[in-house]
């Protein structure tokens, strides 16, 4: 069929984006002029008022229907709205429902495309640097402490605020860990928390490129009053307890399909095995390392060309992958292990952070918060894998091991962590730590990772190649694109 549903959804998504972009670009110069005729302290309200109507227009253009299972709660004082975060549309949905008196806590301004970034800043949305990835790419974003102070001021000024307490979009389509920020703001500002959920937004907004019309169900839950701080209930304990109360209130009004299986699971050791290249790193880190060595004149031109020639032969299936990797690692023959560690650390700090797959950060944080062991399992050689382990604060890094002798590399490979060897490394780790692999998770991108997937109970193909995507769809594995 020439026009299948996926292609139609892709084209519809493009149309919605273009329509919204045109709306923003046409209005932007008029708004920049109009705000000059409004008192400075009221300008953000003007931008929010127009944004409120823009959100309604966007939903109509996107042919999205909102079904409110209960009326929008009316409060005689400012409150903190908290919701799950299943799609990129959620801010628009909430803004269209809750009105222009709403101040949102958002990701760094510059993480949004133009003109949305300008609109959010002008409308008084409060941005925050959520993690080290944001801090690296958006150094001008507010710190968490500064964002909390600003939101408290907005509450005292009579505004409602909106927080997605998971901190990121639910890329796995299930609820993430609930952070304590909303609870801490409620405790300090002495304002209640109004829970709500968005159901179906993930189905109409499939990803950043695909979109389809549909219905989104909005549910409002309990209004939660924060507890009083006392010597018997200090602030930190109260924040943790109240955050748990918020989480339970959201879980109570979410369908079961939005809840990860460990919500009803007894506490037992669980590990999450994560590949590196094209899973948590956007590219091939070892190839980037070779380019770094060449740019800094740490290897000769002919050595670099030889490596990329081997890569070309492997791409055209002339040279087997295992042989290509062993030839590539031979470049370290005679190098001091200490020198390689130092160069790898310098390369990592300069090159790697900008290539981190930010979509995986909330997933990793979610599992870590649940007490799961984070284990990197990769073909990347150990010195580089250990840098990723440091960056993600992982429990272990199972990678390719190069042979050493008297403090130098021999140029030979002791263990190439590839295909079945990845699965073997995972089994060995599980045996050592007494882990039941049926309860464990794996995230990887390549068909070569199928043996790894087969030894764990929960599999997610992340940005999969064509062969892995086909297998994942046939076997019903989760696919994260």
Protein backbone atom coordinates (compact mmCIF):
# COMPACT_ATOMS: atom_id res chain seq x y z
CA UNK A 1 0.00 0.00 0.00
CA UNK A 2 1.46 3.36 -1.05
CA UNK A 3 -0.03 5.43 1.78
CA UNK A 4 0.11 3.33 4.94
CA UNK A 5 -1.02 4.65 8.34
CA UNK A 6 2.53 5.37 9.50
CA UNK A 7 3.21 7.63 6.50
CA UNK A 8 -0.10 9.42 6.93
CA UNK A 9 0.67 10.02 10.62
CA UNK A 10 4.12 11.31 9.67
CA UNK A 11 2.72 13.78 7.13
CA UNK A 12 -0.01 14.87 9.53
CA UNK A 13 2.64 15.52 12.19
CA UNK A 14 4.60 17.67 9.73
CA UNK A 15 1.44 19.63 8.89
CA UNK A 16 0.68 20.28 12.58
CA UNK A 17 4.24 21.46 13.19
CA UNK A 18 4.22 23.78 10.19
CA UNK A 19 0.83 25.20 11.17
CA UNK A 20 2.00 25.89 14.71
CA UNK A 21 5.31 27.36 13.49
CA UNK A 22 3.47 29.67 11.08
CA UNK A 23 1.10 30.74 13.87
CA UNK A 24 4.00 31.56 16.18
CA UNK A 25 6.07 33.38 13.57
CA UNK A 26 3.13 35.49 12.38
CA UNK A 27 2.13 36.49 15.91
CA UNK A 28 5.64 37.01 17.27
CA UNK A 29 6.41 40.46 15.76
CA UNK A 30 2.93 41.73 16.68
CA UNK A 31 3.37 40.54 20.26
CA UNK A 32 6.80 42.17 20.55
CA UNK A 33 5.16 45.47 19.53
CA UNK A 34 1.97 45.00 21.57
CA UNK A 35 3.81 44.34 24.82
CA UNK A 36 5.31 47.84 24.65
CA UNK A 37 1.82 49.22 25.33
CA UNK A 38 1.40 47.12 28.48
CA UNK A 39 2.91 47.74 31.93
CA UNK A 40 6.11 45.74 32.38
CA UNK A 41 4.69 43.74 35.30
CA UNK A 42 1.71 42.63 33.17
CA UNK A 43 3.54 41.65 29.99
CA UNK A 44 4.04 38.00 30.92
CA UNK A 45 0.28 37.69 31.51
CA UNK A 46 -0.37 39.06 28.01
CA UNK A 47 1.94 36.41 26.52
CA UNK A 48 0.25 33.67 28.59
CA UNK A 49 -3.20 34.84 27.54
CA UNK A 50 -2.30 34.63 23.85
CA UNK A 51 -0.49 31.33 24.47
CA UNK A 52 -3.63 29.95 26.11
CA UNK A 53 -5.66 30.62 22.97
CA UNK A 54 -2.83 29.39 20.76
CA UNK A 55 -2.90 26.10 22.65
CA UNK A 56 -6.63 25.77 22.01
CA UNK A 57 -6.08 26.50 18.31
CA UNK A 58 -3.21 23.96 18.15
CA UNK A 59 -5.43 21.23 19.59
CA UNK A 60 -8.12 22.04 17.04
CA UNK A 61 -5.58 21.95 14.19
CA UNK A 62 -4.20 18.64 15.48
CA UNK A 63 -7.79 17.31 15.78
CA UNK A 64 -7.31 16.36 19.41
CA UNK A 65 -10.39 16.04 21.61
CA UNK A 66 -10.17 16.61 25.36
CA UNK A 67 -12.53 14.65 27.58
CA UNK A 68 -12.68 15.95 31.14
CA UNK A 69 -13.91 13.19 33.46
CA UNK A 70 -14.62 15.87 36.07
CA UNK A 71 -14.88 19.68 35.96
CA UNK A 72 -11.67 21.68 36.23
CA UNK A 73 -11.24 22.29 39.99
CA UNK A 74 -11.74 25.90 41.04
CA UNK A 75 -9.52 27.02 43.90
CA UNK A 76 -9.73 30.20 45.94
CA UNK A 77 -5.95 30.22 46.41
CA UNK A 78 -2.97 29.31 44.31
CA UNK A 79 -2.20 25.60 43.99
CA UNK A 80 0.43 23.34 42.45
CA UNK A 81 -0.90 21.21 39.59
CA UNK A 82 1.06 17.98 39.08
CA UNK A 83 0.54 15.53 36.24
CA UNK A 84 2.11 12.55 34.52
CA UNK A 85 4.05 13.41 31.35
CA UNK A 86 3.32 10.92 28.53
CA UNK A 87 3.97 13.19 25.51
CA UNK A 88 5.49 16.40 24.19
CA UNK A 89 1.96 17.84 23.90
CA UNK A 90 1.28 17.83 27.64
CA UNK A 91 2.21 21.46 28.32
CA UNK A 92 -0.18 22.67 25.60
CA UNK A 93 -2.93 20.40 26.91
CA UNK A 94 -2.64 21.69 30.46
CA UNK A 95 -2.33 25.30 29.36
CA UNK A 96 -5.47 25.06 27.23
CA UNK A 97 -7.41 23.61 30.21
CA UNK A 98 -6.04 25.54 33.18
CA UNK A 99 -5.84 29.01 31.65
CA UNK A 100 -3.42 31.94 31.53
CA UNK A 101 -2.88 32.20 35.30
CA UNK A 102 -0.66 29.10 35.06
CA UNK A 103 3.14 29.26 35.42
CA UNK A 104 4.93 26.16 34.13
CA UNK A 105 8.18 24.59 35.24
CA UNK A 106 9.95 23.61 32.03
CA UNK A 107 13.23 22.31 30.61
CA UNK A 108 15.89 24.93 29.71
CA UNK A 109 14.52 27.56 27.31
CA UNK A 110 17.07 26.83 24.60
CA UNK A 111 16.18 23.13 24.53
CA UNK A 112 12.96 24.16 22.76
CA UNK A 113 12.87 25.14 19.08
CA UNK A 114 12.34 28.74 17.96
CA UNK A 115 9.85 30.46 18.32
CA UNK A 116 8.59 28.29 21.20
CA UNK A 117 11.65 29.14 23.29
CA UNK A 118 10.91 32.87 22.97
CA UNK A 119 7.22 32.44 23.81
CA UNK A 120 7.97 30.42 26.95
CA UNK A 121 10.48 32.92 28.24
CA UNK A 122 8.20 35.88 27.52
CA UNK A 123 5.25 34.09 29.17
CA UNK A 124 7.16 33.74 32.43
CA UNK A 125 7.66 29.97 32.34
CA UNK A 126 10.37 28.95 34.82
CA UNK A 127 13.16 26.89 33.29
CA UNK A 128 15.45 24.57 35.25
CA UNK A 129 18.63 22.62 34.65
CA UNK A 130 17.43 19.09 35.44
CA UNK A 131 20.68 17.14 35.33
CA UNK A 132 24.33 17.25 34.29
CA UNK A 133 23.33 16.91 30.62
CA UNK A 134 21.30 20.15 30.84
CA UNK A 135 24.06 21.84 32.84
CA UNK A 136 26.57 21.04 30.09
CA UNK A 137 24.41 22.15 27.12
CA UNK A 138 22.44 24.99 28.75
CA UNK A 139 24.65 26.70 31.34
CA UNK A 140 22.31 29.73 31.47
CA UNK A 141 19.35 27.70 32.77
CA UNK A 142 18.24 28.17 36.39
CA UNK A 143 19.61 25.88 39.05
CA UNK A 144 17.09 23.73 40.90
CA UNK A 145 17.31 25.96 43.95
CA UNK A 146 16.73 29.13 41.91
CA UNK A 147 13.78 27.54 40.09
CA UNK A 148 12.14 26.52 43.37
CA UNK A 149 12.55 30.03 44.80
CA UNK A 150 10.99 31.56 41.67
CA UNK A 151 8.03 29.18 41.76
CA UNK A 152 7.38 29.92 45.43
CA UNK A 153 7.32 33.65 44.62
CA UNK A 154 4.81 32.99 41.83
CA UNK A 155 2.56 31.05 44.21
CA UNK A 156 2.64 33.88 46.73
CA UNK A 157 1.80 36.28 43.89
CA UNK A 158 -1.43 34.34 43.29
CA UNK A 159 -0.46 32.22 40.28
CA UNK A 160 -1.06 28.50 39.92
CA UNK A 161 2.00 26.51 38.87
CA UNK A 162 2.31 23.35 36.78
CA UNK A 163 4.95 20.72 37.44
CA UNK A 164 5.55 17.41 35.72
CA UNK A 165 7.26 15.78 38.71
CA UNK A 166 8.86 13.03 36.63
CA UNK A 167 11.06 15.71 35.08
CA UNK A 168 11.02 14.22 31.55
CA UNK A 169 8.62 12.85 28.99
CA UNK A 170 7.67 9.20 29.65
CA UNK A 171 9.54 7.74 26.68
CA UNK A 172 8.80 4.20 27.85
CA UNK A 173 5.08 5.15 28.10
CA UNK A 174 5.01 4.27 31.81
CA UNK A 175 5.24 6.37 34.95
CA UNK A 176 8.73 7.46 35.97
CA UNK A 177 10.04 8.17 39.44
CA UNK A 178 8.32 11.14 41.09
CA UNK A 179 10.83 13.76 42.22
CA UNK A 180 10.40 15.64 45.50
CA UNK A 181 10.46 19.15 43.97
CA UNK A 182 6.66 19.61 44.00
CA UNK A 183 6.46 18.42 47.61
CA UNK A 184 9.25 20.75 48.71
CA UNK A 185 7.60 23.74 47.03
CA UNK A 186 4.24 22.89 48.62
CA UNK A 187 5.81 22.60 52.07
CA UNK A 188 7.68 25.88 51.83
CA UNK A 189 4.88 27.86 50.17
CA UNK A 190 2.15 26.21 52.32
CA UNK A 191 0.08 25.54 49.22
CA UNK A 192 -1.85 22.37 48.29
CA UNK A 193 -1.09 20.02 45.40
CA UNK A 194 -3.81 19.26 42.84
CA UNK A 195 -3.14 15.92 41.15
CA UNK A 196 -4.23 15.21 37.58
CA UNK A 197 -3.45 12.73 34.82
CA UNK A 198 -3.40 12.77 31.02
CA UNK A 199 -4.49 9.48 29.45
CA UNK A 200 -4.10 8.84 25.74
CA UNK A 201 -1.67 11.65 24.88
CA UNK A 202 1.01 9.07 24.17
CA UNK A 203 -1.23 7.39 21.57
CA UNK A 204 -2.10 10.49 19.57
CA UNK A 205 1.47 11.82 19.75
CA UNK A 206 3.47 8.74 18.82
CA UNK A 207 6.84 10.49 18.69
CA UNK A 208 8.34 13.79 17.50
CA UNK A 209 7.54 12.97 13.86
CA UNK A 210 4.29 10.98 13.95
CA UNK A 211 0.95 12.26 15.11
CA UNK A 212 -2.66 11.20 14.68
CA UNK A 213 -6.06 12.59 15.75
CA UNK A 214 -7.67 11.16 18.85
CA UNK A 215 -9.09 11.64 22.32
CA UNK A 216 -7.19 12.56 25.48
CA UNK A 217 -8.86 11.88 28.81
CA UNK A 218 -8.10 14.31 31.64
CA UNK A 219 -8.68 13.16 35.21
CA UNK A 220 -8.36 15.30 38.32
CA UNK A 221 -7.49 13.54 41.55
CA UNK A 222 -7.22 14.57 45.17
CA UNK A 223 -6.28 18.00 46.47
CA UNK A 224 -3.43 17.23 48.86
CA UNK A 225 -2.58 19.54 51.75
CA UNK A 226 1.09 19.51 52.77
CA UNK A 227 1.86 18.40 56.33
CA UNK A 228 3.04 20.85 58.96
CA UNK A 229 6.76 20.88 59.70
CA UNK A 230 7.64 20.11 63.31
CA UNK A 231 10.54 18.74 65.36
CA UNK A 232 8.88 15.33 65.05
CA UNK A 233 8.54 15.75 61.26
CA UNK A 234 11.57 17.65 59.87
CA UNK A 235 11.47 19.16 56.40
CA UNK A 236 13.42 16.47 54.57
CA UNK A 237 11.31 13.65 56.02
CA UNK A 238 8.10 15.56 55.31
CA UNK A 239 9.15 16.20 51.70
CA UNK A 240 9.83 12.52 51.12
CA UNK A 241 6.57 11.41 52.71
CA UNK A 242 4.48 14.04 50.90
CA UNK A 243 6.13 13.17 47.59
CA UNK A 244 5.11 9.55 48.16
CA UNK A 245 1.56 10.72 48.85
CA UNK A 246 1.56 12.66 45.56
CA UNK A 247 2.83 9.61 43.70
CA UNK A 248 0.15 7.36 45.18
CA UNK A 249 -2.57 9.89 44.28
CA UNK A 250 -1.37 9.94 40.64
CA UNK A 251 -1.08 6.14 40.50
CA UNK A 252 -4.66 5.81 41.82
CA UNK A 253 -6.10 7.58 38.76
CA UNK A 254 -3.77 6.12 36.11
CA UNK A 255 -4.70 3.04 34.04
CA UNK A 256 -2.61 -0.04 34.77
CA UNK A 257 -0.89 0.17 31.37
CA UNK A 258 0.88 3.35 32.51
CA UNK A 259 2.42 1.67 35.55
CA UNK A 260 5.75 -0.19 35.33
CA UNK A 261 5.63 -3.71 36.67
CA UNK A 262 7.87 -2.98 39.65
CA UNK A 263 5.13 -0.90 41.30
CA UNK A 264 3.64 -4.16 42.54
CA UNK A 265 6.90 -6.03 42.95
CA UNK A 266 8.62 -7.11 46.14
CA UNK A 267 12.03 -5.61 46.72
CA UNK A 268 14.61 -7.99 45.21
CA UNK A 269 17.91 -7.39 43.43
CA UNK A 270 17.29 -6.24 39.87
CA UNK A 271 19.79 -5.08 37.26
CA UNK A 272 19.42 -2.92 34.17
CA UNK A 273 21.90 -3.83 31.40
CA UNK A 274 22.51 -0.94 28.99
CA UNK A 275 24.52 -0.81 25.77
CA UNK A 276 26.57 2.34 25.10
CA UNK A 277 26.95 3.19 21.41
CA UNK A 278 23.70 4.43 19.82
CA UNK A 279 21.86 3.64 23.04
CA UNK A 280 23.14 6.13 25.58
CA UNK A 281 25.64 7.73 23.19
CA UNK A 282 24.53 9.18 19.87
CA UNK A 283 27.13 7.57 17.64
CA UNK A 284 30.09 5.24 17.90
CA UNK A 285 32.35 6.37 20.72
CA UNK A 286 35.40 4.34 19.63
CA UNK A 287 35.29 5.78 16.11
CA UNK A 288 35.04 9.26 17.63
CA UNK A 289 38.01 8.38 19.83
CA UNK A 290 40.10 7.46 16.77
CA UNK A 291 39.16 10.79 15.17
CA UNK A 292 40.21 12.54 18.39
CA UNK A 293 43.58 10.75 18.35
CA UNK A 294 44.11 11.78 14.73
CA UNK A 295 43.13 15.44 15.30
CA UNK A 296 45.53 15.67 18.24
CA UNK A 297 48.31 13.95 16.26
CA UNK A 298 48.45 11.03 18.67
CA UNK A 299 48.32 8.56 15.77
CA UNK A 300 49.72 8.88 12.28
CA UNK A 301 47.58 9.61 9.25
CA UNK A 302 48.22 6.19 7.71
CA UNK A 303 47.10 4.46 10.93
CA UNK A 304 43.83 6.42 10.99
CA UNK A 305 43.20 5.75 7.29
CA UNK A 306 43.91 2.07 7.81
CA UNK A 307 41.31 1.87 10.60
CA UNK A 308 38.64 3.61 8.55
CA UNK A 309 39.53 1.41 5.57
CA UNK A 310 38.83 -1.64 7.76
CA UNK A 311 35.55 -0.04 8.81
CA UNK A 312 34.64 0.40 5.13
CA UNK A 313 35.41 -3.24 4.39
CA UNK A 314 33.27 -4.28 7.37
CA UNK A 315 30.41 -2.08 6.17
CA UNK A 316 30.41 -3.85 2.80
CA UNK A 317 30.58 -7.24 4.59
CA UNK A 318 34.01 -8.02 3.16
CA UNK A 319 35.70 -8.09 6.58
CA UNK A 320 33.96 -9.89 9.49
CA UNK A 321 33.10 -7.59 12.39
CA UNK A 322 35.12 -9.52 14.98
CA UNK A 323 38.23 -9.44 12.78
CA UNK A 324 37.78 -5.74 12.09
CA UNK A 325 37.55 -4.95 15.82
CA UNK A 326 40.64 -7.00 16.66
CA UNK A 327 42.59 -5.25 13.89
CA UNK A 328 41.40 -1.89 15.17
CA UNK A 329 42.46 -2.54 18.76
CA UNK A 330 45.93 -3.51 17.53
CA UNK A 331 46.72 0.20 17.21
CA UNK A 332 47.31 0.26 20.99
CA UNK A 333 50.21 -2.21 20.75
CA UNK A 334 53.03 -0.91 22.94
CA UNK A 335 50.99 1.93 24.47
CA UNK A 336 51.25 2.40 28.23
CA UNK A 337 47.93 1.62 29.92
CA UNK A 338 48.27 4.73 32.11
CA UNK A 339 48.72 6.94 29.01
CA UNK A 340 45.63 5.44 27.37
CA UNK A 341 43.58 6.04 30.54
CA UNK A 342 44.66 9.69 30.61
CA UNK A 343 43.95 10.30 26.90
CA UNK A 344 40.58 8.55 27.13
CA UNK A 345 39.59 10.73 30.11
CA UNK A 346 40.51 13.90 28.19
CA UNK A 347 38.60 12.71 25.11
CA UNK A 348 35.54 11.84 27.16
CA UNK A 349 35.31 15.20 28.95
CA UNK A 350 35.71 17.17 25.70
CA UNK A 351 33.71 15.13 23.19
CA UNK A 352 31.26 12.72 24.80
CA UNK A 353 28.85 14.83 26.94
CA UNK A 354 27.40 16.62 23.91
CA UNK A 355 26.59 13.24 22.35
CA UNK A 356 24.74 11.72 25.30
CA UNK A 357 21.24 10.47 24.41
CA UNK A 358 19.20 12.66 26.76
CA UNK A 359 16.10 10.47 26.28
CA UNK A 360 17.78 7.71 28.27
CA UNK A 361 18.65 9.87 31.29
CA UNK A 362 15.21 9.79 32.97
CA UNK A 363 14.94 6.05 32.33
CA UNK A 364 18.30 5.41 33.98
CA UNK A 365 17.44 7.70 36.87
CA UNK A 366 14.10 5.99 37.32
CA UNK A 367 15.68 2.55 37.61
CA UNK A 368 18.44 3.80 39.91
CA UNK A 369 15.88 5.43 42.22
CA UNK A 370 14.01 2.13 42.38
CA UNK A 371 17.19 0.53 43.69
CA UNK A 372 18.10 -1.27 40.45
CA UNK A 373 21.75 -1.86 39.59
CA UNK A 374 22.84 0.09 36.50
CA UNK A 375 25.27 -2.05 34.47
CA UNK A 376 26.80 -0.96 31.16
CA UNK A 377 27.44 -3.88 28.81
CA UNK A 378 29.26 -2.88 25.66
CA UNK A 379 31.76 -3.67 22.95
CA UNK A 380 33.58 -0.47 23.92
CA UNK A 381 37.00 -1.23 25.42
CA UNK A 382 37.33 -1.03 29.21
CA UNK A 383 39.14 2.34 29.68
CA UNK A 384 36.43 4.14 27.69
CA UNK A 385 33.60 2.08 29.18
CA UNK A 386 34.80 3.07 32.67
CA UNK A 387 34.43 6.76 31.74
CA UNK A 388 30.80 6.12 30.81
CA UNK A 389 30.43 4.23 34.09
CA UNK A 390 31.73 7.29 35.96
CA UNK A 391 29.46 9.67 34.05
CA UNK A 392 26.30 7.63 34.68
CA UNK A 393 27.34 6.53 38.17
CA UNK A 394 26.78 2.95 37.06
CA UNK A 395 27.45 -0.08 39.24
CA UNK A 396 29.71 -1.76 36.67
CA UNK A 397 30.88 -1.62 33.06
CA UNK A 398 31.24 -4.93 31.21
CA UNK A 399 33.31 -4.16 28.13
CA UNK A 400 36.00 -5.41 25.78
CA UNK A 401 39.22 -6.34 27.58
CA UNK A 402 42.60 -5.74 25.94
CA UNK A 403 45.63 -7.87 26.81
CA UNK A 404 48.24 -6.19 29.01
CA UNK A 405 51.84 -7.01 29.82
CA UNK A 406 54.13 -5.04 32.15
CA UNK A 407 51.90 -1.96 32.06
CA UNK A 408 51.53 -1.87 28.27
CA UNK A 409 48.97 -3.17 25.79
CA UNK A 410 50.11 -6.03 23.59
CA UNK A 411 47.69 -5.23 20.75
CA UNK A 412 45.68 -8.42 21.35
CA UNK A 413 42.10 -8.72 22.60
CA UNK A 414 41.46 -10.91 25.63
CA UNK A 415 37.65 -10.63 25.55
CA UNK A 416 35.62 -9.02 22.76
CA UNK A 417 32.28 -8.16 24.38
CA UNK A 418 30.13 -8.82 21.33
CA UNK A 419 27.03 -10.93 20.60
CA UNK A 420 27.11 -14.13 22.67
CA UNK A 421 30.00 -12.78 24.77
CA UNK A 422 27.73 -9.94 25.97
CA UNK A 423 25.15 -12.47 27.09
CA UNK A 424 27.88 -14.52 28.79
CA UNK A 425 29.19 -11.44 30.63
CA UNK A 426 25.67 -10.62 31.84
CA UNK A 427 25.10 -14.20 33.05
CA UNK A 428 28.42 -14.14 34.90
CA UNK A 429 27.57 -10.82 36.56
CA UNK A 430 24.12 -12.07 37.57
CA UNK A 431 25.60 -15.26 39.05
CA UNK A 432 28.16 -13.24 41.05
CA UNK A 433 25.54 -10.89 42.52
CA UNK A 434 22.71 -13.40 42.92
CA UNK A 435 20.41 -11.67 40.43
CA UNK A 436 17.41 -13.29 38.79
CA UNK A 437 17.78 -12.34 35.11
CA UNK A 438 14.07 -12.92 34.50
CA UNK A 439 13.43 -9.77 36.54
CA UNK A 440 16.13 -7.72 34.78
CA UNK A 441 16.01 -5.16 31.95
CA UNK A 442 18.13 -4.60 28.85
CA UNK A 443 18.40 -1.58 26.55
CA UNK A 444 20.34 -1.86 23.27
CA UNK A 445 20.24 -0.80 19.63
CA UNK A 446 21.65 -3.56 17.42
CA UNK A 447 20.61 -6.94 16.06
CA UNK A 448 23.90 -8.22 17.50
CA UNK A 449 22.37 -7.60 20.94
CA UNK A 450 19.64 -10.24 20.48
CA UNK A 451 21.59 -12.79 22.59
CA UNK A 452 21.69 -10.20 25.39
CA UNK A 453 17.94 -9.60 25.09
CA UNK A 454 17.20 -13.31 25.27
CA UNK A 455 18.74 -13.73 28.74
CA UNK A 456 16.68 -11.01 30.48
CA UNK A 457 12.99 -10.71 31.19
CA UNK A 458 12.37 -7.15 29.92
CA UNK A 459 13.83 -5.86 26.64
CA UNK A 460 13.76 -2.43 25.02
CA UNK A 461 15.23 -1.78 21.58
CA UNK A 462 16.54 1.80 21.59
CA UNK A 463 16.82 3.49 18.16
CA UNK A 464 17.09 -0.04 16.72
CA UNK A 465 18.63 -0.97 13.40
CA UNK A 466 16.26 -2.50 10.82
CA UNK A 467 16.99 -6.12 11.76
CA UNK A 468 16.52 -5.59 15.50
CA UNK A 469 13.35 -3.57 14.91
CA UNK A 470 11.91 -6.42 12.87
CA UNK A 471 12.73 -8.98 15.59
CA UNK A 472 11.40 -6.69 18.33
CA UNK A 473 8.09 -6.21 16.53
CA UNK A 474 7.73 -9.94 15.90
CA UNK A 475 8.46 -10.89 19.52
CA UNK A 476 6.58 -7.97 21.10
CA UNK A 477 9.59 -6.29 22.67
CA UNK A 478 9.43 -2.62 23.62
CA UNK A 479 10.79 -0.25 20.94
CA UNK A 480 12.01 3.22 21.92
CA UNK A 481 12.60 5.52 18.92
